[in-house]
Amino acid sequence: MKNKLEKMKDNNTFEKTIMMLKKSFESEITEEEYYILLYLLYDYMCDENLAIVMETLTKKSKWVIINDIAKAINMEQSAKTILAVEERLNMNGFEKWKLEEEV
């Protein structure tokens, strides 16, 4: 039986997720957007997979990102900013991605 990381590699989830994020954030991801992305993606990806994806988009190490995930899910987030980030993602297939890529 394959673990989640193997499953993610097999079905191109890394590539699909990275492409969705790159299309949504063509310029640099701000620190606030970074934490909101961790918050929004957390329910759909295991910590390690989320960290691997975010590592390719930021200059942060996987281990820092894993620690940041815990911060992101416990910190107070601006509803307005969450909606703005989610809207950018939705314009690039986030709703479809959520249905296809729960890993």
C-alpha atoms as a PDB file:
ATOM      1  CA  MET A   1       0.000   0.000   0.000  1.00  0.00           C
ATOM      2  CA  LYS A   2       1.372   3.387  -0.987  1.00  0.00           C
ATOM      3  CA  ASN A   3       1.757   6.186   1.512  1.00  0.00           C
ATOM      4  CA  LYS A   4       0.408   9.668   0.827  1.00  0.00           C
ATOM      5  CA  LEU A   5       3.735  10.966  -0.479  1.00  0.00           C
ATOM      6  CA  GLU A   6       4.030   8.138  -3.016  1.00  0.00           C
ATOM      7  CA  LYS A   7       0.410   8.665  -4.077  1.00  0.00           C
ATOM      8  CA  MET A   8       1.055  12.377  -4.539  1.00  0.00           C
ATOM      9  CA  LYS A   9       4.092  11.706  -6.735  1.00  0.00           C
ATOM     10  CA  ASP A  10       2.211   9.128  -8.819  1.00  0.00           C
ATOM     11  CA  ASN A  11      -0.762  11.302  -9.705  1.00  0.00           C
ATOM     12  CA  ASN A  12       1.167  14.504 -10.457  1.00  0.00           C
ATOM     13  CA  THR A  13      -0.367  16.267  -7.488  1.00  0.00           C
ATOM     14  CA  PHE A  14       2.872  18.159  -6.847  1.00  0.00           C
ATOM     15  CA  GLU A  15       2.870  19.571 -10.354  1.00  0.00           C
ATOM     16  CA  LYS A  16      -0.864  20.367 -10.373  1.00  0.00           C
ATOM     17  CA  THR A  17      -0.648  22.102  -7.011  1.00  0.00           C
ATOM     18  CA  ILE A  18       2.487  24.060  -7.866  1.00  0.00           C
ATOM     19  CA  MET A  19       1.025  25.169 -11.206  1.00  0.00           C
ATOM     20  CA  MET A  20      -2.211  26.319  -9.533  1.00  0.00           C
ATOM     21  CA  LEU A  21      -0.227  28.331  -6.971  1.00  0.00           C
ATOM     22  CA  LYS A  22       2.149  29.821  -9.554  1.00  0.00           C
ATOM     23  CA  LYS A  23      -0.793  30.935 -11.701  1.00  0.00           C
ATOM     24  CA  SER A  24      -2.504  32.417  -8.656  1.00  0.00           C
ATOM     25  CA  PHE A  25       0.614  34.199  -7.397  1.00  0.00           C
ATOM     26  CA  GLU A  26       2.696  35.163 -10.419  1.00  0.00           C
ATOM     27  CA  SER A  27       4.764  37.545  -8.334  1.00  0.00           C
ATOM     28  CA  GLU A  28       6.238  36.841  -4.918  1.00  0.00           C
ATOM     29  CA  ILE A  29       3.938  35.463  -2.211  1.00  0.00           C
ATOM     30  CA  THR A  30       3.763  37.873   0.721  1.00  0.00           C
ATOM     31  CA  GLU A  31       4.244  36.605   4.260  1.00  0.00           C
ATOM     32  CA  GLU A  32       0.530  37.143   4.995  1.00  0.00           C
ATOM     33  CA  GLU A  33      -0.477  35.248   1.832  1.00  0.00           C
ATOM     34  CA  TYR A  34       1.983  32.481   2.732  1.00  0.00           C
ATOM     35  CA  TYR A  35       0.304  31.852   6.094  1.00  0.00           C
ATOM     36  CA  ILE A  36      -3.143  31.999   4.532  1.00  0.00           C
ATOM     37  CA  LEU A  37      -2.110  29.499   1.846  1.00  0.00           C
ATOM     38  CA  LEU A  38      -0.888  27.144   4.564  1.00  0.00           C
ATOM     39  CA  TYR A  39      -4.202  27.629   6.364  1.00  0.00           C
ATOM     40  CA  LEU A  40      -6.300  27.014   3.226  1.00  0.00           C
ATOM     41  CA  LEU A  41      -4.338  24.025   1.924  1.00  0.00           C
ATOM     42  CA  TYR A  42      -3.888  22.326   5.311  1.00  0.00           C
ATOM     43  CA  ASP A  43      -7.214  20.478   5.175  1.00  0.00           C
ATOM     44  CA  TYR A  44      -6.352  18.919   1.809  1.00  0.00           C
ATOM     45  CA  MET A  45      -2.703  17.931   2.175  1.00  0.00           C
ATOM     46  CA  CYS A  46      -0.601  16.227   4.809  1.00  0.00           C
ATOM     47  CA  ASP A  47       1.987  18.476   6.459  1.00  0.00           C
ATOM     48  CA  GLU A  48       4.958  17.003   4.604  1.00  0.00           C
ATOM     49  CA  ASN A  49       3.358  17.303   1.169  1.00  0.00           C
ATOM     50  CA  LEU A  50       2.246  20.854   1.879  1.00  0.00           C
ATOM     51  CA  ALA A  51       5.762  21.723   3.027  1.00  0.00           C
ATOM     52  CA  ILE A  52       7.311  20.201  -0.109  1.00  0.00           C
ATOM     53  CA  VAL A  53       4.999  22.208  -2.357  1.00  0.00           C
ATOM     54  CA  MET A  54       5.536  25.471  -0.486  1.00  0.00           C
ATOM     55  CA  GLU A  55       9.296  24.903  -0.394  1.00  0.00           C
ATOM     56  CA  THR A  56       9.343  25.131  -4.187  1.00  0.00           C
ATOM     57  CA  LEU A  57       7.521  28.489  -4.094  1.00  0.00           C
ATOM     58  CA  THR A  58       9.332  30.145  -1.212  1.00  0.00           C
ATOM     59  CA  LYS A  59      12.898  30.401   0.012  1.00  0.00           C
ATOM     60  CA  LYS A  60      11.964  28.557   3.203  1.00  0.00           C
ATOM     61  CA  SER A  61      13.113  25.058   4.101  1.00  0.00           C
ATOM     62  CA  LYS A  62      10.638  22.220   4.435  1.00  0.00           C
ATOM     63  CA  TRP A  63      11.307  22.070   8.181  1.00  0.00           C
ATOM     64  CA  VAL A  64      10.550  25.754   8.719  1.00  0.00           C
ATOM     65  CA  ILE A  65       7.353  25.373   6.707  1.00  0.00           C
ATOM     66  CA  ILE A  66       6.243  22.385   8.785  1.00  0.00           C
ATOM     67  CA  ASN A  67       6.590  24.577  11.901  1.00  0.00           C
ATOM     68  CA  ASP A  68       4.795  27.432  10.127  1.00  0.00           C
ATOM     69  CA  ILE A  69       1.834  25.152   9.341  1.00  0.00           C
ATOM     70  CA  ALA A  70       1.125  24.829  13.059  1.00  0.00           C
ATOM     71  CA  LYS A  71       1.323  28.622  13.410  1.00  0.00           C
ATOM     72  CA  ALA A  72      -0.944  29.179  10.405  1.00  0.00           C
ATOM     73  CA  ILE A  73      -3.759  26.959  11.623  1.00  0.00           C
ATOM     74  CA  ASN A  74      -3.696  28.530  15.080  1.00  0.00           C
ATOM     75  CA  MET A  75      -3.186  32.198  14.268  1.00  0.00           C
ATOM     76  CA  GLU A  76      -5.853  34.833  13.810  1.00  0.00           C
ATOM     77  CA  GLN A  77      -6.345  35.433  10.081  1.00  0.00           C
ATOM     78  CA  SER A  78      -8.086  38.361   8.425  1.00  0.00           C
ATOM     79  CA  ALA A  79     -11.341  37.142   6.835  1.00  0.00           C
ATOM     80  CA  LYS A  80     -10.946  39.725   4.094  1.00  0.00           C
ATOM     81  CA  THR A  81      -7.461  38.500   3.216  1.00  0.00           C
ATOM     82  CA  ILE A  82      -8.508  34.848   3.376  1.00  0.00           C
ATOM     83  CA  LEU A  83     -11.282  35.577   0.890  1.00  0.00           C
ATOM     84  CA  ALA A  84      -8.899  37.491  -1.390  1.00  0.00           C
ATOM     85  CA  VAL A  85      -6.379  34.638  -1.439  1.00  0.00           C
ATOM     86  CA  GLU A  86      -9.118  32.046  -1.904  1.00  0.00           C
ATOM     87  CA  GLU A  87     -10.558  34.077  -4.798  1.00  0.00           C
ATOM     88  CA  ARG A  88      -7.163  34.110  -6.525  1.00  0.00           C
ATOM     89  CA  LEU A  89      -6.923  30.346  -6.072  1.00  0.00           C
ATOM     90  CA  ASN A  90     -10.475  29.796  -7.298  1.00  0.00           C
ATOM     91  CA  MET A  91      -9.707  31.705 -10.506  1.00  0.00           C
ATOM     92  CA  ASN A  92      -7.046  29.061 -11.154  1.00  0.00           C
ATOM     93  CA  GLY A  93      -8.927  25.860 -10.354  1.00  0.00           C
ATOM     94  CA  PHE A  94      -8.882  25.584  -6.558  1.00  0.00           C
ATOM     95  CA  GLU A  95     -12.436  24.202  -6.344  1.00  0.00           C
ATOM     96  CA  LYS A  96     -11.665  21.461  -8.868  1.00  0.00           C
ATOM     97  CA  TRP A  97      -8.297  20.796  -7.216  1.00  0.00           C
ATOM     98  CA  LYS A  98      -9.967  20.324  -3.825  1.00  0.00           C
ATOM     99  CA  LEU A  99     -12.215  17.630  -5.248  1.00  0.00           C
ATOM    100  CA  GLU A 100      -9.433  15.810  -7.103  1.00  0.00           C
ATOM    101  CA  GLU A 101      -6.395  16.108  -4.909  1.00  0.00           C
ATOM    102  CA  GLU A 102      -7.230  15.285  -1.315  1.00  0.00           C
ATOM    103  CA  VAL A 103      -3.941  13.766  -0.221  1.00  0.00           C
END
